Amino acid sequence: MADKKAMTKEEIQKEAQARHDRIVADIMEMVKEGKLPEIRCLTRKQRRELDKQKLNYLKTVFQTKETAIGMQEKCYDWILDNVYPDFDFDELPNNICFFFGEAVYNATYSDDFSEKN
């Protein structure tokens, strides 16, 4: 890893994207190996419940001093607990859970219908 002070903004962004891509690839490999459940989008009913709980961070006006990451983590925890109630995520590393929840959330709002059908 290069010295952060010597890196340009573009190099930092490229490095961050590469780290993100590695984590996503690892998660997809864990799904393929059966170590994680299949990533799927929320049903309309589940998405409405997420909204009702005020955990859909793209729709919720922050009324507290909650950070954006804090709101995302609460949202993803709700997804893990309610969309996959039969899977135990509790002993997995938090970063795996965070990115898995993010993948499910993103699938819910993607325009890739082939994954949903």
PDB file of N, CA and C in Angstrom:
ATOM      1  N   MET A   1       0.853  -1.172   0.000  1.00  0.00           N
ATOM      2  CA  MET A   1       0.000   0.000   0.000  1.00  0.00           C
ATOM      3  C   MET A   1       0.896   1.231   0.000  1.00  0.00           C
ATOM      4  N   ALA A   2       0.593   2.170  -0.845  1.00  0.00           N
ATOM      5  CA  ALA A   2       1.382   3.389  -0.971  1.00  0.00           C
ATOM      6  C   ALA A   2       1.131   4.317   0.207  1.00  0.00           C
ATOM      7  N   ASP A   3       2.100   5.210   0.438  1.00  0.00           N
ATOM      8  CA  ASP A   3       1.967   6.216   1.489  1.00  0.00           C
ATOM      9  C   ASP A   3       0.794   7.125   1.155  1.00  0.00           C
ATOM     10  N   LYS A   4      -0.156   7.259   2.113  1.00  0.00           N
ATOM     11  CA  LYS A   4      -1.381   8.040   1.875  1.00  0.00           C
ATOM     12  C   LYS A   4      -1.070   9.497   1.562  1.00  0.00           C
ATOM     13  N   LYS A   5      -0.025  10.061   2.160  1.00  0.00           N
ATOM     14  CA  LYS A   5       0.309  11.463   1.925  1.00  0.00           C
ATOM     15  C   LYS A   5       0.780  11.699   0.501  1.00  0.00           C
ATOM     16  N   ALA A   6       1.406  10.689  -0.085  1.00  0.00           N
ATOM     17  CA  ALA A   6       1.938  10.842  -1.432  1.00  0.00           C
ATOM     18  C   ALA A   6       0.926  10.470  -2.510  1.00  0.00           C
ATOM     19  N   MET A   7      -0.199   9.893  -2.101  1.00  0.00           N
ATOM     20  CA  MET A   7      -1.186   9.448  -3.076  1.00  0.00           C
ATOM     21  C   MET A   7      -2.095  10.595  -3.490  1.00  0.00           C
ATOM     22  N   THR A   8      -2.490  10.573  -4.747  1.00  0.00           N
ATOM     23  CA  THR A   8      -3.452  11.554  -5.224  1.00  0.00           C
ATOM     24  C   THR A   8      -4.855  11.108  -4.833  1.00  0.00           C
ATOM     25  N   LYS A   9      -5.806  11.991  -4.962  1.00  0.00           N
ATOM     26  CA  LYS A   9      -7.199  11.668  -4.665  1.00  0.00           C
ATOM     27  C   LYS A   9      -7.665  10.504  -5.535  1.00  0.00           C
ATOM     28  N   GLU A  10      -7.287  10.519  -6.782  1.00  0.00           N
ATOM     29  CA  GLU A  10      -7.682   9.457  -7.709  1.00  0.00           C
ATOM     30  C   GLU A  10      -7.080   8.119  -7.306  1.00  0.00           C
ATOM     31  N   GLU A  11      -5.831   8.128  -6.845  1.00  0.00           N
ATOM     32  CA  GLU A  11      -5.182   6.887  -6.420  1.00  0.00           C
ATOM     33  C   GLU A  11      -5.859   6.329  -5.160  1.00  0.00           C
ATOM     34  N   ILE A  12      -6.217   7.212  -4.256  1.00  0.00           N
ATOM     35  CA  ILE A  12      -6.916   6.783  -3.036  1.00  0.00           C
ATOM     36  C   ILE A  12      -8.262   6.175  -3.399  1.00  0.00           C
ATOM     37  N   GLN A  13      -9.000   6.823  -4.316  1.00  0.00           N
ATOM     38  CA  GLN A  13     -10.295   6.304  -4.743  1.00  0.00           C
ATOM     39  C   GLN A  13     -10.136   4.963  -5.444  1.00  0.00           C
ATOM     40  N   LYS A  14      -9.114   4.836  -6.260  1.00  0.00           N
ATOM     41  CA  LYS A  14      -8.865   3.584  -6.971  1.00  0.00           C
ATOM     42  C   LYS A  14      -8.531   2.460  -5.987  1.00  0.00           C
ATOM     43  N   GLU A  15      -7.721   2.767  -4.973  1.00  0.00           N
ATOM     44  CA  GLU A  15      -7.369   1.774  -3.963  1.00  0.00           C
ATOM     45  C   GLU A  15      -8.597   1.361  -3.149  1.00  0.00           C
ATOM     46  N   ALA A  16      -9.425   2.326  -2.785  1.00  0.00           N
ATOM     47  CA  ALA A  16     -10.641   2.024  -2.025  1.00  0.00           C
ATOM     48  C   ALA A  16     -11.585   1.154  -2.855  1.00  0.00           C
ATOM     49  N   GLN A  17     -11.718   1.458  -4.138  1.00  0.00           N
ATOM     50  CA  GLN A  17     -12.576   0.658  -5.012  1.00  0.00           C
ATOM     51  C   GLN A  17     -12.037  -0.762  -5.142  1.00  0.00           C
ATOM     52  N   ALA A  18     -10.722  -0.898  -5.226  1.00  0.00           N
ATOM     53  CA  ALA A  18     -10.114  -2.226  -5.326  1.00  0.00           C
ATOM     54  C   ALA A  18     -10.380  -3.039  -4.056  1.00  0.00           C
ATOM     55  N   ARG A  19     -10.276  -2.402  -2.869  1.00  0.00           N
ATOM     56  CA  ARG A  19     -10.587  -3.090  -1.607  1.00  0.00           C
ATOM     57  C   ARG A  19     -12.044  -3.519  -1.578  1.00  0.00           C
ATOM     58  N   HIS A  20     -12.936  -2.618  -1.989  1.00  0.00           N
ATOM     59  CA  HIS A  20     -14.368  -2.925  -2.033  1.00  0.00           C
ATOM     60  C   HIS A  20     -14.627  -4.101  -2.972  1.00  0.00           C
ATOM     61  N   ASP A  21     -14.030  -4.071  -4.134  1.00  0.00           N
ATOM     62  CA  ASP A  21     -14.214  -5.146  -5.114  1.00  0.00           C
ATOM     63  C   ASP A  21     -13.723  -6.486  -4.572  1.00  0.00           C
ATOM     64  N   ARG A  22     -12.608  -6.479  -3.814  1.00  0.00           N
ATOM     65  CA  ARG A  22     -12.097  -7.726  -3.217  1.00  0.00           C
ATOM     66  C   ARG A  22     -13.086  -8.269  -2.186  1.00  0.00           C
ATOM     67  N   ILE A  23     -13.652  -7.389  -1.367  1.00  0.00           N
ATOM     68  CA  ILE A  23     -14.609  -7.830  -0.352  1.00  0.00           C
ATOM     69  C   ILE A  23     -15.854  -8.407  -1.021  1.00  0.00           C
ATOM     70  N   VAL A  24     -16.356  -7.731  -2.042  1.00  0.00           N
ATOM     71  CA  VAL A  24     -17.533  -8.229  -2.760  1.00  0.00           C
ATOM     72  C   VAL A  24     -17.234  -9.591  -3.391  1.00  0.00           C
ATOM     73  N   ALA A  25     -16.055  -9.739  -3.984  1.00  0.00           N
ATOM     74  CA  ALA A  25     -15.675 -11.028  -4.583  1.00  0.00           C
ATOM     75  C   ALA A  25     -15.609 -12.113  -3.510  1.00  0.00           C
ATOM     76  N   ASP A  26     -15.074 -11.778  -2.344  1.00  0.00           N
ATOM     77  CA  ASP A  26     -15.014 -12.742  -1.240  1.00  0.00           C
ATOM     78  C   ASP A  26     -16.416 -13.145  -0.795  1.00  0.00           C
ATOM     79  N   ILE A  27     -17.309 -12.180  -0.708  1.00  0.00           N
ATOM     80  CA  ILE A  27     -18.683 -12.472  -0.305  1.00  0.00           C
ATOM     81  C   ILE A  27     -19.366 -13.368  -1.331  1.00  0.00           C
ATOM     82  N   MET A  28     -19.179 -13.064  -2.606  1.00  0.00           N
ATOM     83  CA  MET A  28     -19.789 -13.887  -3.650  1.00  0.00           C
ATOM     84  C   MET A  28     -19.222 -15.311  -3.614  1.00  0.00           C
ATOM     85  N   GLU A  29     -17.948 -15.452  -3.278  1.00  0.00           N
ATOM     86  CA  GLU A  29     -17.351 -16.780  -3.148  1.00  0.00           C
ATOM     87  C   GLU A  29     -17.965 -17.516  -1.952  1.00  0.00           C
ATOM     88  N   MET A  30     -18.198 -16.798  -0.848  1.00  0.00           N
ATOM     89  CA  MET A  30     -18.830 -17.411   0.327  1.00  0.00           C
ATOM     90  C   MET A  30     -20.256 -17.858   0.005  1.00  0.00           C
ATOM     91  N   VAL A  31     -20.974 -17.078  -0.801  1.00  0.00           N
ATOM     92  CA  VAL A  31     -22.323 -17.477  -1.225  1.00  0.00           C
ATOM     93  C   VAL A  31     -22.227 -18.755  -2.062  1.00  0.00           C
ATOM     94  N   LYS A  32     -21.294 -18.758  -3.004  1.00  0.00           N
ATOM     95  CA  LYS A  32     -21.106 -19.913  -3.886  1.00  0.00           C
ATOM     96  C   LYS A  32     -20.770 -21.172  -3.092  1.00  0.00           C
ATOM     97  N   GLU A  33     -19.978 -21.023  -2.023  1.00  0.00           N
ATOM     98  CA  GLU A  33     -19.578 -22.151  -1.197  1.00  0.00           C
ATOM     99  C   GLU A  33     -20.648 -22.545  -0.164  1.00  0.00           C
ATOM    100  N   GLY A  34     -21.746 -21.797  -0.111  1.00  0.00           N
ATOM    101  CA  GLY A  34     -22.803 -22.097   0.839  1.00  0.00           C
ATOM    102  C   GLY A  34     -22.545 -21.573   2.242  1.00  0.00           C
ATOM    103  N   LYS A  35     -21.545 -20.720   2.402  1.00  0.00           N
ATOM    104  CA  LYS A  35     -21.216 -20.149   3.714  1.00  0.00           C
ATOM    105  C   LYS A  35     -22.076 -18.923   4.027  1.00  0.00           C
ATOM    106  N   LEU A  36     -22.726 -18.392   3.021  1.00  0.00           N
ATOM    107  CA  LEU A  36     -23.688 -17.297   3.151  1.00  0.00           C
ATOM    108  C   LEU A  36     -24.898 -17.643   2.295  1.00  0.00           C
ATOM    109  N   PRO A  37     -26.071 -17.147   2.673  1.00  0.00           N
ATOM    110  CA  PRO A  37     -27.255 -17.407   1.835  1.00  0.00           C
ATOM    111  C   PRO A  37     -27.184 -16.608   0.528  1.00  0.00           C
ATOM    112  N   GLU A  38     -28.053 -16.947  -0.387  1.00  0.00           N
ATOM    113  CA  GLU A  38     -28.133 -16.224  -1.655  1.00  0.00           C
ATOM    114  C   GLU A  38     -28.537 -14.774  -1.413  1.00  0.00           C
ATOM    115  N   ILE A  39     -27.935 -13.882  -2.151  1.00  0.00           N
ATOM    116  CA  ILE A  39     -28.305 -12.471  -2.083  1.00  0.00           C
ATOM    117  C   ILE A  39     -29.572 -12.295  -2.914  1.00  0.00           C
ATOM    118  N   ARG A  40     -30.567 -11.679  -2.310  1.00  0.00           N
ATOM    119  CA  ARG A  40     -31.806 -11.423  -3.034  1.00  0.00           C
ATOM    120  C   ARG A  40     -32.360 -10.081  -2.572  1.00  0.00           C
ATOM    121  N   CYS A  41     -33.204  -9.514  -3.384  1.00  0.00           N
ATOM    122  CA  CYS A  41     -33.794  -8.227  -3.004  1.00  0.00           C
ATOM    123  C   CYS A  41     -34.915  -8.436  -1.995  1.00  0.00           C
ATOM    124  N   LEU A  42     -35.218  -7.392  -1.261  1.00  0.00           N
ATOM    125  CA  LEU A  42     -36.330  -7.428  -0.326  1.00  0.00           C
ATOM    126  C   LEU A  42     -37.636  -7.511  -1.101  1.00  0.00           C
ATOM    127  N   THR A  43     -38.606  -8.162  -0.516  1.00  0.00           N
ATOM    128  CA  THR A  43     -39.945  -8.122  -1.090  1.00  0.00           C
ATOM    129  C   THR A  43     -40.527  -6.735  -0.798  1.00  0.00           C
ATOM    130  N   ARG A  44     -41.608  -6.412  -1.450  1.00  0.00           N
ATOM    131  CA  ARG A  44     -42.269  -5.131  -1.186  1.00  0.00           C
ATOM    132  C   ARG A  44     -42.676  -5.041   0.285  1.00  0.00           C
ATOM    133  N   LYS A  45     -43.203  -6.131   0.821  1.00  0.00           N
ATOM    134  CA  LYS A  45     -43.619  -6.160   2.217  1.00  0.00           C
ATOM    135  C   LYS A  45     -42.427  -5.901   3.146  1.00  0.00           C
ATOM    136  N   GLN A  46     -41.300  -6.534   2.872  1.00  0.00           N
ATOM    137  CA  GLN A  46     -40.108  -6.331   3.698  1.00  0.00           C
ATOM    138  C   GLN A  46     -39.602  -4.901   3.577  1.00  0.00           C
ATOM    139  N   ARG A  47     -39.592  -4.358   2.370  1.00  0.00           N
ATOM    140  CA  ARG A  47     -39.132  -2.987   2.171  1.00  0.00           C
ATOM    141  C   ARG A  47     -40.039  -2.010   2.899  1.00  0.00           C
ATOM    142  N   ARG A  48     -41.342  -2.258   2.875  1.00  0.00           N
ATOM    143  CA  ARG A  48     -42.279  -1.379   3.586  1.00  0.00           C
ATOM    144  C   ARG A  48     -42.071  -1.458   5.095  1.00  0.00           C
ATOM    145  N   GLU A  49     -41.755  -2.630   5.603  1.00  0.00           N
ATOM    146  CA  GLU A  49     -41.468  -2.771   7.032  1.00  0.00           C
ATOM    147  C   GLU A  49     -40.167  -2.040   7.392  1.00  0.00           C
ATOM    148  N   LEU A  50     -39.178  -2.131   6.527  1.00  0.00           N
ATOM    149  CA  LEU A  50     -37.934  -1.384   6.728  1.00  0.00           C
ATOM    150  C   LEU A  50     -38.222   0.115   6.793  1.00  0.00           C
ATOM    151  N   ASP A  51     -39.081   0.593   5.893  1.00  0.00           N
ATOM    152  CA  ASP A  51     -39.485   2.002   5.898  1.00  0.00           C
ATOM    153  C   ASP A  51     -40.203   2.341   7.203  1.00  0.00           C
ATOM    154  N   LYS A  52     -41.129   1.482   7.611  1.00  0.00           N
ATOM    155  CA  LYS A  52     -41.924   1.710   8.825  1.00  0.00           C
ATOM    156  C   LYS A  52     -41.024   1.814  10.058  1.00  0.00           C
ATOM    157  N   GLN A  53     -39.969   1.014  10.080  1.00  0.00           N
ATOM    158  CA  GLN A  53     -39.030   1.030  11.199  1.00  0.00           C
ATOM    159  C   GLN A  53     -38.083   2.240  11.134  1.00  0.00           C
ATOM    160  N   LYS A  54     -38.227   3.045  10.071  1.00  0.00           N
ATOM    161  CA  LYS A  54     -37.376   4.221   9.831  1.00  0.00           C
ATOM    162  C   LYS A  54     -35.896   3.848   9.733  1.00  0.00           C
ATOM    163  N   LEU A  55     -35.653   2.705   9.081  1.00  0.00           N
ATOM    164  CA  LEU A  55     -34.293   2.225   8.896  1.00  0.00           C
ATOM    165  C   LEU A  55     -33.826   2.283   7.445  1.00  0.00           C
ATOM    166  N   ASN A  56     -34.710   2.691   6.550  1.00  0.00           N
ATOM    167  CA  ASN A  56     -34.338   2.841   5.147  1.00  0.00           C
ATOM    168  C   ASN A  56     -33.625   4.190   5.024  1.00  0.00           C
ATOM    169  N   TYR A  57     -32.310   4.146   5.098  1.00  0.00           N
ATOM    170  CA  TYR A  57     -31.526   5.374   5.235  1.00  0.00           C
ATOM    171  C   TYR A  57     -31.603   6.316   4.034  1.00  0.00           C
ATOM    172  N   LEU A  58     -32.076   5.843   2.906  1.00  0.00           N
ATOM    173  CA  LEU A  58     -32.259   6.752   1.767  1.00  0.00           C
ATOM    174  C   LEU A  58     -33.578   7.514   1.857  1.00  0.00           C
ATOM    175  N   LYS A  59     -34.450   7.088   2.754  1.00  0.00           N
ATOM    176  CA  LYS A  59     -35.760   7.721   2.892  1.00  0.00           C
ATOM    177  C   LYS A  59     -35.970   8.394   4.240  1.00  0.00           C
ATOM    178  N   THR A  60     -35.114   8.128   5.180  1.00  0.00           N
ATOM    179  CA  THR A  60     -35.314   8.614   6.536  1.00  0.00           C
ATOM    180  C   THR A  60     -34.584   9.934   6.753  1.00  0.00           C
ATOM    181  N   VAL A  61     -35.291  10.895   7.290  1.00  0.00           N
ATOM    182  CA  VAL A  61     -34.663  12.147   7.683  1.00  0.00           C
ATOM    183  C   VAL A  61     -34.051  11.908   9.054  1.00  0.00           C
ATOM    184  N   PHE A  62     -32.768  12.138   9.169  1.00  0.00           N
ATOM    185  CA  PHE A  62     -32.077  11.889  10.429  1.00  0.00           C
ATOM    186  C   PHE A  62     -32.556  12.894  11.471  1.00  0.00           C
ATOM    187  N   GLN A  63     -33.189  12.391  12.516  1.00  0.00           N
ATOM    188  CA  GLN A  63     -33.687  13.237  13.606  1.00  0.00           C
ATOM    189  C   GLN A  63     -32.717  13.244  14.784  1.00  0.00           C
ATOM    190  N   THR A  64     -31.735  12.386  14.736  1.00  0.00           N
ATOM    191  CA  THR A  64     -30.773  12.286  15.829  1.00  0.00           C
ATOM    192  C   THR A  64     -29.397  12.654  15.296  1.00  0.00           C
ATOM    193  N   LYS A  65     -28.413  12.487  16.122  1.00  0.00           N
ATOM    194  CA  LYS A  65     -27.036  12.755  15.697  1.00  0.00           C
ATOM    195  C   LYS A  65     -26.383  11.495  15.134  1.00  0.00           C
ATOM    196  N   GLU A  66     -27.212  10.591  14.656  1.00  0.00           N
ATOM    197  CA  GLU A  66     -26.747   9.331  14.079  1.00  0.00           C
ATOM    198  C   GLU A  66     -25.853   9.614  12.871  1.00  0.00           C
ATOM    199  N   THR A  67     -24.789   8.852  12.735  1.00  0.00           N
ATOM    200  CA  THR A  67     -23.926   8.979  11.567  1.00  0.00           C
ATOM    201  C   THR A  67     -24.516   8.184  10.403  1.00  0.00           C
ATOM    202  N   ALA A  68     -24.066   8.493   9.219  1.00  0.00           N
ATOM    203  CA  ALA A  68     -24.540   7.766   8.033  1.00  0.00           C
ATOM    204  C   ALA A  68     -24.187   6.283   8.138  1.00  0.00           C
ATOM    205  N   ILE A  69     -22.976   5.970   8.574  1.00  0.00           N
ATOM    206  CA  ILE A  69     -22.567   4.570   8.725  1.00  0.00           C
ATOM    207  C   ILE A  69     -23.414   3.889   9.794  1.00  0.00           C
ATOM    208  N   GLY A  70     -23.711   4.595  10.872  1.00  0.00           N
ATOM    209  CA  GLY A  70     -24.558   4.031  11.921  1.00  0.00           C
ATOM    210  C   GLY A  70     -25.932   3.676  11.400  1.00  0.00           C
ATOM    211  N   MET A  71     -26.515   4.562  10.583  1.00  0.00           N
ATOM    212  CA  MET A  71     -27.826   4.280   9.990  1.00  0.00           C
ATOM    213  C   MET A  71     -27.749   3.100   9.030  1.00  0.00           C
ATOM    214  N   GLN A  72     -26.699   3.057   8.224  1.00  0.00           N
ATOM    215  CA  GLN A  72     -26.549   1.932   7.302  1.00  0.00           C
ATOM    216  C   GLN A  72     -26.426   0.625   8.079  1.00  0.00           C
ATOM    217  N   GLU A  73     -25.636   0.624   9.135  1.00  0.00           N
ATOM    218  CA  GLU A  73     -25.443  -0.596   9.888  1.00  0.00           C
ATOM    219  C   GLU A  73     -26.751  -1.071  10.523  1.00  0.00           C
ATOM    220  N   LYS A  74     -27.556  -0.159  11.055  1.00  0.00           N
ATOM    221  CA  LYS A  74     -28.861  -0.537  11.609  1.00  0.00           C
ATOM    222  C   LYS A  74     -29.760  -1.117  10.519  1.00  0.00           C
ATOM    223  N   CYS A  75     -29.732  -0.508   9.346  1.00  0.00           N
ATOM    224  CA  CYS A  75     -30.519  -0.990   8.211  1.00  0.00           C
ATOM    225  C   CYS A  75     -30.086  -2.404   7.833  1.00  0.00           C
ATOM    226  N   TYR A  76     -28.784  -2.610   7.696  1.00  0.00           N
ATOM    227  CA  TYR A  76     -28.277  -3.915   7.273  1.00  0.00           C
ATOM    228  C   TYR A  76     -28.516  -4.978   8.350  1.00  0.00           C
ATOM    229  N   ASP A  77     -28.396  -4.599   9.626  1.00  0.00           N
ATOM    230  CA  ASP A  77     -28.713  -5.549  10.692  1.00  0.00           C
ATOM    231  C   ASP A  77     -30.171  -5.984  10.604  1.00  0.00           C
ATOM    232  N   TRP A  78     -31.070  -5.029  10.330  1.00  0.00           N
ATOM    233  CA  TRP A  78     -32.487  -5.374  10.189  1.00  0.00           C
ATOM    234  C   TRP A  78     -32.660  -6.357   9.036  1.00  0.00           C
ATOM    235  N   ILE A  79     -31.988  -6.096   7.929  1.00  0.00           N
ATOM    236  CA  ILE A  79     -32.076  -6.985   6.765  1.00  0.00           C
ATOM    237  C   ILE A  79     -31.604  -8.389   7.135  1.00  0.00           C
ATOM    238  N   LEU A  80     -30.450  -8.496   7.771  1.00  0.00           N
ATOM    239  CA  LEU A  80     -29.921  -9.814   8.135  1.00  0.00           C
ATOM    240  C   LEU A  80     -30.881 -10.555   9.057  1.00  0.00           C
ATOM    241  N   ASP A  81     -31.431  -9.842  10.034  1.00  0.00           N
ATOM    242  CA  ASP A  81     -32.310 -10.476  11.022  1.00  0.00           C
ATOM    243  C   ASP A  81     -33.693 -10.824  10.476  1.00  0.00           C
ATOM    244  N   ASN A  82     -34.202 -10.027   9.536  1.00  0.00           N
ATOM    245  CA  ASN A  82     -35.586 -10.190   9.087  1.00  0.00           C
ATOM    246  C   ASN A  82     -35.744 -10.830   7.713  1.00  0.00           C
ATOM    247  N   VAL A  83     -34.776 -10.664   6.853  1.00  0.00           N
ATOM    248  CA  VAL A  83     -34.855 -11.271   5.520  1.00  0.00           C
ATOM    249  C   VAL A  83     -34.266 -12.681   5.546  1.00  0.00           C
ATOM    250  N   TYR A  84     -33.323 -12.899   6.451  1.00  0.00           N
ATOM    251  CA  TYR A  84     -32.658 -14.205   6.577  1.00  0.00           C
ATOM    252  C   TYR A  84     -32.754 -14.704   8.019  1.00  0.00           C
ATOM    253  N   PRO A  85     -33.979 -14.891   8.547  1.00  0.00           N
ATOM    254  CA  PRO A  85     -34.119 -15.263   9.962  1.00  0.00           C
ATOM    255  C   PRO A  85     -33.536 -16.640  10.302  1.00  0.00           C
ATOM    256  N   ASP A  86     -33.376 -17.502   9.321  1.00  0.00           N
ATOM    257  CA  ASP A  86     -32.879 -18.852   9.581  1.00  0.00           C
ATOM    258  C   ASP A  86     -31.361 -18.974   9.453  1.00  0.00           C
ATOM    259  N   PHE A  87     -30.684 -17.862   9.162  1.00  0.00           N
ATOM    260  CA  PHE A  87     -29.229 -17.888   9.023  1.00  0.00           C
ATOM    261  C   PHE A  87     -28.613 -17.122  10.189  1.00  0.00           C
ATOM    262  N   ASP A  88     -27.611 -17.706  10.837  1.00  0.00           N
ATOM    263  CA  ASP A  88     -26.948 -17.074  11.979  1.00  0.00           C
ATOM    264  C   ASP A  88     -25.720 -16.300  11.507  1.00  0.00           C
ATOM    265  N   PHE A  89     -25.848 -14.983  11.479  1.00  0.00           N
ATOM    266  CA  PHE A  89     -24.747 -14.104  11.072  1.00  0.00           C
ATOM    267  C   PHE A  89     -23.865 -13.690  12.254  1.00  0.00           C
ATOM    268  N   ASP A  90     -24.279 -14.004  13.477  1.00  0.00           N
ATOM    269  CA  ASP A  90     -23.661 -13.427  14.669  1.00  0.00           C
ATOM    270  C   ASP A  90     -22.177 -13.729  14.845  1.00  0.00           C
ATOM    271  N   GLU A  91     -21.687 -14.834  14.368  1.00  0.00           N
ATOM    272  CA  GLU A  91     -20.272 -15.165  14.556  1.00  0.00           C
ATOM    273  C   GLU A  91     -19.408 -14.790  13.354  1.00  0.00           C
ATOM    274  N   LEU A  92     -20.022 -14.223  12.324  1.00  0.00           N
ATOM    275  CA  LEU A  92     -19.257 -13.788  11.149  1.00  0.00           C
ATOM    276  C   LEU A  92     -18.618 -12.432  11.417  1.00  0.00           C
ATOM    277  N   PRO A  93     -17.509 -12.111  10.762  1.00  0.00           N
ATOM    278  CA  PRO A  93     -16.906 -10.788  10.918  1.00  0.00           C
ATOM    279  C   PRO A  93     -17.902  -9.696  10.507  1.00  0.00           C
ATOM    280  N   ASN A  94     -17.881  -8.597  11.226  1.00  0.00           N
ATOM    281  CA  ASN A  94     -18.827  -7.513  10.965  1.00  0.00           C
ATOM    282  C   ASN A  94     -18.712  -6.979   9.540  1.00  0.00           C
ATOM    283  N   ASN A  95     -17.488  -6.906   9.000  1.00  0.00           N
ATOM    284  CA  ASN A  95     -17.355  -6.362   7.646  1.00  0.00           C
ATOM    285  C   ASN A  95     -18.049  -7.241   6.613  1.00  0.00           C
ATOM    286  N   ILE A  96     -18.027  -8.553   6.815  1.00  0.00           N
ATOM    287  CA  ILE A  96     -18.737  -9.457   5.907  1.00  0.00           C
ATOM    288  C   ILE A  96     -20.244  -9.203   6.014  1.00  0.00           C
ATOM    289  N   CYS A  97     -20.741  -9.072   7.231  1.00  0.00           N
ATOM    290  CA  CYS A  97     -22.167  -8.816   7.439  1.00  0.00           C
ATOM    291  C   CYS A  97     -22.571  -7.479   6.844  1.00  0.00           C
ATOM    292  N   PHE A  98     -21.746  -6.464   7.039  1.00  0.00           N
ATOM    293  CA  PHE A  98     -22.046  -5.125   6.524  1.00  0.00           C
ATOM    294  C   PHE A  98     -22.158  -5.150   5.001  1.00  0.00           C
ATOM    295  N   PHE A  99     -21.166  -5.733   4.346  1.00  0.00           N
ATOM    296  CA  PHE A  99     -21.176  -5.753   2.884  1.00  0.00           C
ATOM    297  C   PHE A  99     -22.245  -6.685   2.328  1.00  0.00           C
ATOM    298  N   PHE A 100     -22.561  -7.775   3.030  1.00  0.00           N
ATOM    299  CA  PHE A 100     -23.646  -8.650   2.598  1.00  0.00           C
ATOM    300  C   PHE A 100     -24.965  -7.890   2.678  1.00  0.00           C
ATOM    301  N   GLY A 101     -25.208  -7.210   3.797  1.00  0.00           N
ATOM    302  CA  GLY A 101     -26.421  -6.401   3.939  1.00  0.00           C
ATOM    303  C   GLY A 101     -26.505  -5.320   2.876  1.00  0.00           C
ATOM    304  N   GLU A 102     -25.380  -4.711   2.586  1.00  0.00           N
ATOM    305  CA  GLU A 102     -25.334  -3.688   1.536  1.00  0.00           C
ATOM    306  C   GLU A 102     -25.703  -4.287   0.179  1.00  0.00           C
ATOM    307  N   ALA A 103     -25.207  -5.480  -0.097  1.00  0.00           N
ATOM    308  CA  ALA A 103     -25.503  -6.138  -1.376  1.00  0.00           C
ATOM    309  C   ALA A 103     -27.002  -6.423  -1.508  1.00  0.00           C
ATOM    310  N   VAL A 104     -27.632  -6.869  -0.420  1.00  0.00           N
ATOM    311  CA  VAL A 104     -29.075  -7.128  -0.440  1.00  0.00           C
ATOM    312  C   VAL A 104     -29.833  -5.821  -0.640  1.00  0.00           C
ATOM    313  N   TYR A 105     -29.446  -4.791   0.093  1.00  0.00           N
ATOM    314  CA  TYR A 105     -30.094  -3.479  -0.028  1.00  0.00           C
ATOM    315  C   TYR A 105     -29.959  -2.956  -1.464  1.00  0.00           C
ATOM    316  N   ASN A 106     -28.758  -3.043  -2.012  1.00  0.00           N
ATOM    317  CA  ASN A 106     -28.535  -2.569  -3.385  1.00  0.00           C
ATOM    318  C   ASN A 106     -29.329  -3.386  -4.402  1.00  0.00           C
ATOM    319  N   ALA A 107     -29.451  -4.693  -4.169  1.00  0.00           N
ATOM    320  CA  ALA A 107     -30.242  -5.531  -5.076  1.00  0.00           C
ATOM    321  C   ALA A 107     -31.702  -5.095  -5.072  1.00  0.00           C
ATOM    322  N   THR A 108     -32.182  -4.644  -3.918  1.00  0.00           N
ATOM    323  CA  THR A 108     -33.571  -4.201  -3.783  1.00  0.00           C
ATOM    324  C   THR A 108     -33.869  -3.009  -4.677  1.00  0.00           C
ATOM    325  N   TYR A 109     -32.887  -2.158  -4.864  1.00  0.00           N
ATOM    326  CA  TYR A 109     -33.089  -0.943  -5.654  1.00  0.00           C
ATOM    327  C   TYR A 109     -32.409  -0.992  -7.021  1.00  0.00           C
ATOM    328  N   SER A 110     -31.885  -2.140  -7.394  1.00  0.00           N
ATOM    329  CA  SER A 110     -31.228  -2.235  -8.708  1.00  0.00           C
ATOM    330  C   SER A 110     -32.274  -2.392  -9.812  1.00  0.00           C
ATOM    331  N   ASP A 111     -31.812  -2.237 -11.035  1.00  0.00           N
ATOM    332  CA  ASP A 111     -32.711  -2.427 -12.174  1.00  0.00           C
ATOM    333  C   ASP A 111     -32.396  -3.747 -12.890  1.00  0.00           C
ATOM    334  N   ASP A 112     -31.700  -4.648 -12.219  1.00  0.00           N
ATOM    335  CA  ASP A 112     -31.363  -5.931 -12.807  1.00  0.00           C
ATOM    336  C   ASP A 112     -32.436  -6.948 -12.459  1.00  0.00           C
ATOM    337  N   PHE A 113     -33.445  -7.037 -13.311  1.00  0.00           N
ATOM    338  CA  PHE A 113     -34.561  -7.922 -13.057  1.00  0.00           C
ATOM    339  C   PHE A 113     -34.211  -9.389 -13.197  1.00  0.00           C
ATOM    340  N   SER A 114     -33.141  -9.694 -13.904  1.00  0.00           N
ATOM    341  CA  SER A 114     -32.773 -11.087 -14.075  1.00  0.00           C
ATOM    342  C   SER A 114     -32.387 -11.721 -12.748  1.00  0.00           C
ATOM    343  N   GLU A 115     -31.826 -10.957 -11.806  1.00  0.00           N
ATOM    344  CA  GLU A 115     -31.494 -11.489 -10.491  1.00  0.00           C
ATOM    345  C   GLU A 115     -32.744 -11.726  -9.668  1.00  0.00           C
ATOM    346  N   LYS A 116     -33.781 -10.934  -9.895  1.00  0.00           N
ATOM    347  CA  LYS A 116     -34.976 -10.989  -9.074  1.00  0.00           C
ATOM    348  C   LYS A 116     -35.950 -12.055  -9.527  1.00  0.00           C
ATOM    349  N   ASN A 117     -35.892 -12.464 -10.764  1.00  0.00           N
ATOM    350  CA  ASN A 117     -36.862 -13.427 -11.298  1.00  0.00           C
ATOM    351  C   ASN A 117     -36.284 -14.813 -11.426  1.00  0.00           C
TER     352      ASN A 117
END
